[in-house]
Amino acid sequence: MRTRNSYFFNTRRFVYILALFMLSVFLFACSRQNNPPQNLSVENQIQVSATAININTASAEELEKLPHVGRQTAQEIIEFRKKFGRFRKPEYLMFVRGISDRQFREMRNLVRVE
């Protein structure tokens, strides 16, 4: 005949072992999932023109050839370049005052950085 205390400890041990077993099955199942590597589709890659302007070395006259870039915006790009250094990505042009997201999308394939 079992005492009340031994029954309590056996039930508690059983629940503990069951929880450990379920946790190990869950972790094993999660580690076995095959996640294929994610590749960027061709749609997300931007084709840059062969005659693209390097915005890190371009003069004001060269920058004015870009769509939506006038004399004032070209000066803003040059001042931004002097103040913060070279552009690391073409997308950083949107930090320049006077260039919106829409305008940048129109000139994206015409600019490059080196």
N, C-alpha and C. Protein backbone atom coordinates (compact mmCIF):
# COMPACT_ATOMS: atom_id res chain seq x y z
N MET A 1 0.84 -1.17 0.00
CA MET A 1 0.00 0.00 0.00
C MET A 1 0.89 1.24 0.00
N ARG A 2 0.55 2.17 -0.85
CA ARG A 2 1.33 3.39 -0.96
C ARG A 2 0.83 4.43 0.02
N THR A 3 1.81 5.23 0.41
CA THR A 3 1.41 6.34 1.27
C THR A 3 1.08 7.53 0.38
N ARG A 4 0.47 8.46 0.98
CA ARG A 4 0.05 9.63 0.22
C ARG A 4 1.24 10.40 -0.33
N ASN A 5 2.32 10.52 0.41
CA ASN A 5 3.50 11.26 -0.02
C ASN A 5 4.18 10.59 -1.21
N SER A 6 4.31 9.29 -1.19
CA SER A 6 4.99 8.62 -2.30
C SER A 6 4.17 8.75 -3.59
N TYR A 7 2.85 8.72 -3.51
CA TYR A 7 2.00 8.88 -4.69
C TYR A 7 2.19 10.29 -5.27
N PHE A 8 2.28 11.28 -4.40
CA PHE A 8 2.46 12.66 -4.86
C PHE A 8 3.78 12.81 -5.61
N PHE A 9 4.85 12.26 -5.06
CA PHE A 9 6.15 12.39 -5.69
C PHE A 9 6.23 11.59 -7.00
N ASN A 10 5.59 10.43 -7.06
CA ASN A 10 5.58 9.66 -8.31
C ASN A 10 4.81 10.39 -9.40
N THR A 11 3.69 11.00 -9.05
CA THR A 11 2.90 11.75 -10.03
C THR A 11 3.67 12.98 -10.50
N ARG A 12 4.32 13.63 -9.59
CA ARG A 12 5.09 14.80 -9.93
C ARG A 12 6.26 14.43 -10.84
N ARG A 13 6.93 13.34 -10.55
CA ARG A 13 8.05 12.88 -11.37
C ARG A 13 7.55 12.49 -12.76
N PHE A 14 6.39 11.84 -12.83
CA PHE A 14 5.83 11.45 -14.12
C PHE A 14 5.52 12.68 -14.98
N VAL A 15 4.92 13.70 -14.40
CA VAL A 15 4.60 14.92 -15.14
C VAL A 15 5.89 15.60 -15.59
N TYR A 16 6.91 15.61 -14.75
CA TYR A 16 8.19 16.21 -15.09
C TYR A 16 8.84 15.47 -16.26
N ILE A 17 8.85 14.16 -16.22
CA ILE A 17 9.45 13.35 -17.29
C ILE A 17 8.65 13.53 -18.58
N LEU A 18 7.33 13.56 -18.48
CA LEU A 18 6.49 13.75 -19.66
C LEU A 18 6.75 15.12 -20.29
N ALA A 19 6.90 16.16 -19.49
CA ALA A 19 7.17 17.49 -20.00
C ALA A 19 8.54 17.54 -20.69
N LEU A 20 9.54 16.90 -20.10
CA LEU A 20 10.85 16.85 -20.73
C LEU A 20 10.81 16.10 -22.06
N PHE A 21 10.06 15.00 -22.09
CA PHE A 21 9.93 14.23 -23.32
C PHE A 21 9.26 15.06 -24.41
N MET A 22 8.19 15.74 -24.08
CA MET A 22 7.47 16.55 -25.07
C MET A 22 8.36 17.70 -25.56
N LEU A 23 9.11 18.30 -24.65
CA LEU A 23 10.01 19.38 -25.04
C LEU A 23 11.09 18.87 -25.98
N SER A 24 11.65 17.72 -25.70
CA SER A 24 12.70 17.18 -26.56
C SER A 24 12.13 16.80 -27.93
N VAL A 25 10.91 16.27 -28.00
CA VAL A 25 10.29 15.95 -29.29
C VAL A 25 10.05 17.23 -30.08
N PHE A 26 9.59 18.27 -29.43
CA PHE A 26 9.34 19.54 -30.09
C PHE A 26 10.64 20.13 -30.64
N LEU A 27 11.70 20.14 -29.84
CA LEU A 27 12.97 20.69 -30.29
C LEU A 27 13.55 19.87 -31.44
N PHE A 28 13.40 18.56 -31.38
CA PHE A 28 13.88 17.71 -32.46
C PHE A 28 13.12 17.99 -33.75
N ALA A 29 11.81 18.14 -33.65
CA ALA A 29 11.00 18.41 -34.84
C ALA A 29 11.35 19.77 -35.43
N CYS A 30 11.61 20.75 -34.60
CA CYS A 30 11.96 22.08 -35.10
C CYS A 30 13.33 22.07 -35.78
N SER A 31 14.25 21.28 -35.28
CA SER A 31 15.58 21.25 -35.87
C SER A 31 15.60 20.48 -37.18
N ARG A 32 14.63 19.67 -37.43
CA ARG A 32 14.59 18.86 -38.64
C ARG A 32 13.92 19.56 -39.82
N GLN A 33 13.34 20.73 -39.60
CA GLN A 33 12.66 21.43 -40.69
C GLN A 33 13.70 21.91 -41.69
N ASN A 34 13.41 21.69 -42.95
CA ASN A 34 14.31 22.14 -44.01
C ASN A 34 13.81 23.47 -44.55
N ASN A 35 14.55 24.51 -44.25
CA ASN A 35 14.22 25.83 -44.76
C ASN A 35 15.12 26.10 -45.95
N PRO A 36 14.57 26.17 -47.16
CA PRO A 36 15.41 26.43 -48.32
C PRO A 36 16.00 27.84 -48.23
N PRO A 37 17.21 28.03 -48.73
CA PRO A 37 17.79 29.37 -48.70
C PRO A 37 16.97 30.32 -49.56
N GLN A 38 16.85 31.53 -49.08
CA GLN A 38 16.06 32.52 -49.80
C GLN A 38 16.97 33.26 -50.79
N ASN A 39 16.58 33.21 -52.03
CA ASN A 39 17.32 33.91 -53.08
C ASN A 39 16.50 35.09 -53.55
N LEU A 40 17.19 36.18 -53.83
CA LEU A 40 16.50 37.34 -54.36
C LEU A 40 16.09 37.06 -55.80
N SER A 41 14.90 37.42 -56.10
CA SER A 41 14.44 37.22 -57.47
C SER A 41 15.04 38.28 -58.37
N VAL A 42 14.98 38.04 -59.64
CA VAL A 42 15.53 38.98 -60.61
C VAL A 42 14.76 40.28 -60.59
N GLU A 43 13.50 40.23 -60.17
CA GLU A 43 12.68 41.43 -60.13
C GLU A 43 13.22 42.46 -59.15
N ASN A 44 13.88 42.00 -58.06
CA ASN A 44 14.36 42.92 -57.04
C ASN A 44 15.72 43.51 -57.37
N GLN A 45 16.37 43.02 -58.39
CA GLN A 45 17.68 43.53 -58.75
C GLN A 45 17.52 44.66 -59.75
N ILE A 46 18.27 45.73 -59.53
CA ILE A 46 18.15 46.92 -60.37
C ILE A 46 19.29 46.92 -61.38
N GLN A 47 18.94 47.14 -62.62
CA GLN A 47 19.93 47.23 -63.69
C GLN A 47 20.42 48.67 -63.79
N VAL A 48 21.70 48.87 -63.54
CA VAL A 48 22.28 50.21 -63.61
C VAL A 48 22.81 50.43 -65.01
N SER A 49 22.56 51.60 -65.53
CA SER A 49 23.00 51.96 -66.86
C SER A 49 24.53 51.98 -66.95
N ALA A 50 25.04 51.69 -68.14
CA ALA A 50 26.49 51.72 -68.35
C ALA A 50 27.03 53.15 -68.24
N THR A 51 26.19 54.12 -68.50
CA THR A 51 26.62 55.52 -68.42
C THR A 51 26.16 56.18 -67.12
N ALA A 52 25.96 55.40 -66.09
CA ALA A 52 25.49 55.93 -64.81
C ALA A 52 26.51 56.89 -64.22
N ILE A 53 26.02 57.87 -63.52
CA ILE A 53 26.86 58.91 -62.92
C ILE A 53 27.25 58.49 -61.52
N ASN A 54 28.55 58.58 -61.24
CA ASN A 54 29.04 58.28 -59.90
C ASN A 54 28.76 59.51 -59.02
N ILE A 55 27.85 59.38 -58.08
CA ILE A 55 27.44 60.54 -57.29
C ILE A 55 28.49 60.96 -56.28
N ASN A 56 29.52 60.16 -56.07
CA ASN A 56 30.59 60.54 -55.14
C ASN A 56 31.64 61.42 -55.79
N THR A 57 31.73 61.39 -57.11
CA THR A 57 32.75 62.19 -57.80
C THR A 57 32.18 63.16 -58.81
N ALA A 58 30.89 63.15 -59.02
CA ALA A 58 30.28 63.98 -60.07
C ALA A 58 30.30 65.46 -59.69
N SER A 59 30.47 66.27 -60.70
CA SER A 59 30.41 67.72 -60.50
C SER A 59 28.95 68.16 -60.54
N ALA A 60 28.72 69.42 -60.26
CA ALA A 60 27.36 69.95 -60.27
C ALA A 60 26.74 69.86 -61.67
N GLU A 61 27.54 70.10 -62.71
CA GLU A 61 27.03 70.02 -64.08
C GLU A 61 26.60 68.60 -64.43
N GLU A 62 27.38 67.62 -64.00
CA GLU A 62 27.02 66.22 -64.27
C GLU A 62 25.76 65.82 -63.51
N LEU A 63 25.63 66.29 -62.26
CA LEU A 63 24.46 65.95 -61.46
C LEU A 63 23.19 66.57 -62.03
N GLU A 64 23.33 67.73 -62.67
CA GLU A 64 22.16 68.39 -63.24
C GLU A 64 21.58 67.63 -64.43
N LYS A 65 22.32 66.70 -64.99
CA LYS A 65 21.81 65.87 -66.09
C LYS A 65 20.80 64.83 -65.62
N LEU A 66 20.76 64.58 -64.31
CA LEU A 66 19.80 63.62 -63.76
C LEU A 66 18.40 64.22 -63.76
N PRO A 67 17.36 63.38 -63.89
CA PRO A 67 15.99 63.92 -63.87
C PRO A 67 15.67 64.50 -62.49
N HIS A 68 14.97 65.61 -62.46
CA HIS A 68 14.52 66.30 -61.25
C HIS A 68 15.67 66.91 -60.45
N VAL A 69 16.85 67.04 -61.04
CA VAL A 69 17.98 67.65 -60.32
C VAL A 69 18.35 68.92 -61.06
N GLY A 70 18.12 70.02 -60.37
CA GLY A 70 18.50 71.31 -60.92
C GLY A 70 19.77 71.81 -60.25
N ARG A 71 20.04 73.09 -60.46
CA ARG A 71 21.26 73.68 -59.90
C ARG A 71 21.26 73.62 -58.38
N GLN A 72 20.12 73.96 -57.76
CA GLN A 72 20.05 73.97 -56.30
C GLN A 72 20.21 72.57 -55.72
N THR A 73 19.52 71.58 -56.30
CA THR A 73 19.61 70.21 -55.80
C THR A 73 21.00 69.64 -56.00
N ALA A 74 21.65 69.98 -57.11
CA ALA A 74 23.02 69.52 -57.34
C ALA A 74 23.95 70.09 -56.27
N GLN A 75 23.75 71.37 -55.91
CA GLN A 75 24.56 71.96 -54.84
C GLN A 75 24.28 71.29 -53.50
N GLU A 76 23.01 70.94 -53.26
CA GLU A 76 22.65 70.24 -52.02
C GLU A 76 23.35 68.88 -51.93
N ILE A 77 23.43 68.17 -53.06
CA ILE A 77 24.11 66.86 -53.09
C ILE A 77 25.59 67.04 -52.77
N ILE A 78 26.20 68.04 -53.36
CA ILE A 78 27.63 68.28 -53.12
C ILE A 78 27.88 68.70 -51.68
N GLU A 79 27.02 69.55 -51.13
CA GLU A 79 27.16 69.96 -49.73
C GLU A 79 26.96 68.77 -48.78
N PHE A 80 26.00 67.94 -49.10
CA PHE A 80 25.76 66.73 -48.29
C PHE A 80 26.99 65.83 -48.33
N ARG A 81 27.58 65.69 -49.50
CA ARG A 81 28.77 64.85 -49.67
C ARG A 81 29.94 65.42 -48.88
N LYS A 82 30.09 66.74 -48.87
CA LYS A 82 31.18 67.37 -48.11
C LYS A 82 30.96 67.20 -46.61
N LYS A 83 29.73 67.33 -46.18
CA LYS A 83 29.43 67.30 -44.76
C LYS A 83 29.49 65.89 -44.17
N PHE A 84 28.95 64.90 -44.88
CA PHE A 84 28.82 63.55 -44.33
C PHE A 84 29.75 62.53 -44.98
N GLY A 85 30.47 62.92 -46.00
CA GLY A 85 31.37 61.98 -46.66
C GLY A 85 30.70 61.30 -47.85
N ARG A 86 31.38 60.30 -48.36
CA ARG A 86 30.93 59.61 -49.56
C ARG A 86 29.61 58.88 -49.33
N PHE A 87 28.83 58.76 -50.39
CA PHE A 87 27.61 57.97 -50.35
C PHE A 87 28.00 56.50 -50.39
N ARG A 88 27.49 55.71 -49.48
CA ARG A 88 27.78 54.27 -49.51
C ARG A 88 26.79 53.50 -50.35
N LYS A 89 25.57 54.02 -50.45
CA LYS A 89 24.53 53.41 -51.27
C LYS A 89 23.82 54.51 -52.04
N PRO A 90 23.35 54.19 -53.23
CA PRO A 90 22.60 55.23 -53.98
C PRO A 90 21.34 55.68 -53.24
N GLU A 91 20.76 54.82 -52.42
CA GLU A 91 19.55 55.16 -51.69
C GLU A 91 19.75 56.32 -50.72
N TYR A 92 21.00 56.58 -50.34
CA TYR A 92 21.27 57.67 -49.41
C TYR A 92 21.01 59.04 -50.05
N LEU A 93 20.79 59.07 -51.35
CA LEU A 93 20.43 60.33 -52.00
C LEU A 93 19.12 60.88 -51.45
N MET A 94 18.27 60.00 -50.94
CA MET A 94 16.98 60.45 -50.40
C MET A 94 17.15 61.26 -49.12
N PHE A 95 18.34 61.21 -48.51
CA PHE A 95 18.58 62.04 -47.33
C PHE A 95 18.87 63.50 -47.70
N VAL A 96 19.16 63.72 -48.96
CA VAL A 96 19.45 65.07 -49.44
C VAL A 96 18.14 65.83 -49.57
N ARG A 97 18.14 67.05 -49.08
CA ARG A 97 16.95 67.88 -49.18
C ARG A 97 16.66 68.17 -50.64
N GLY A 98 15.43 67.92 -51.06
CA GLY A 98 15.03 68.18 -52.43
C GLY A 98 14.87 66.92 -53.27
N ILE A 99 15.24 65.75 -52.73
CA ILE A 99 15.08 64.50 -53.47
C ILE A 99 14.11 63.61 -52.72
N SER A 100 12.97 63.37 -53.33
CA SER A 100 11.95 62.53 -52.69
C SER A 100 12.13 61.08 -53.13
N ASP A 101 11.35 60.23 -52.54
CA ASP A 101 11.37 58.81 -52.88
C ASP A 101 10.98 58.61 -54.34
N ARG A 102 9.96 59.30 -54.79
CA ARG A 102 9.49 59.19 -56.17
C ARG A 102 10.57 59.65 -57.14
N GLN A 103 11.20 60.74 -56.82
CA GLN A 103 12.26 61.25 -57.70
C GLN A 103 13.45 60.30 -57.73
N PHE A 104 13.79 59.74 -56.59
CA PHE A 104 14.91 58.80 -56.55
C PHE A 104 14.61 57.56 -57.40
N ARG A 105 13.38 57.05 -57.33
CA ARG A 105 13.04 55.87 -58.12
C ARG A 105 13.20 56.13 -59.61
N GLU A 106 12.96 57.36 -60.05
CA GLU A 106 13.11 57.68 -61.47
C GLU A 106 14.58 57.78 -61.88
N MET A 107 15.45 58.14 -60.95
CA MET A 107 16.86 58.28 -61.30
C MET A 107 17.73 57.12 -60.81
N ARG A 108 17.12 56.10 -60.20
CA ARG A 108 17.89 55.02 -59.57
C ARG A 108 18.83 54.32 -60.53
N ASN A 109 18.38 54.02 -61.73
CA ASN A 109 19.25 53.29 -62.65
C ASN A 109 20.25 54.21 -63.38
N LEU A 110 20.25 55.48 -63.06
CA LEU A 110 21.18 56.42 -63.68
C LEU A 110 22.31 56.84 -62.76
N VAL A 111 22.30 56.36 -61.49
CA VAL A 111 23.34 56.72 -60.54
C VAL A 111 24.02 55.47 -60.02
N ARG A 112 25.26 55.66 -59.59
CA ARG A 112 26.03 54.57 -58.97
C ARG A 112 26.97 55.18 -57.94
N VAL A 113 27.50 54.31 -57.09
CA VAL A 113 28.51 54.74 -56.11
C VAL A 113 29.72 53.82 -56.23
N GLU A 114 30.87 54.35 -56.00
CA GLU A 114 32.11 53.56 -56.03
C GLU A 114 32.98 53.95 -54.89
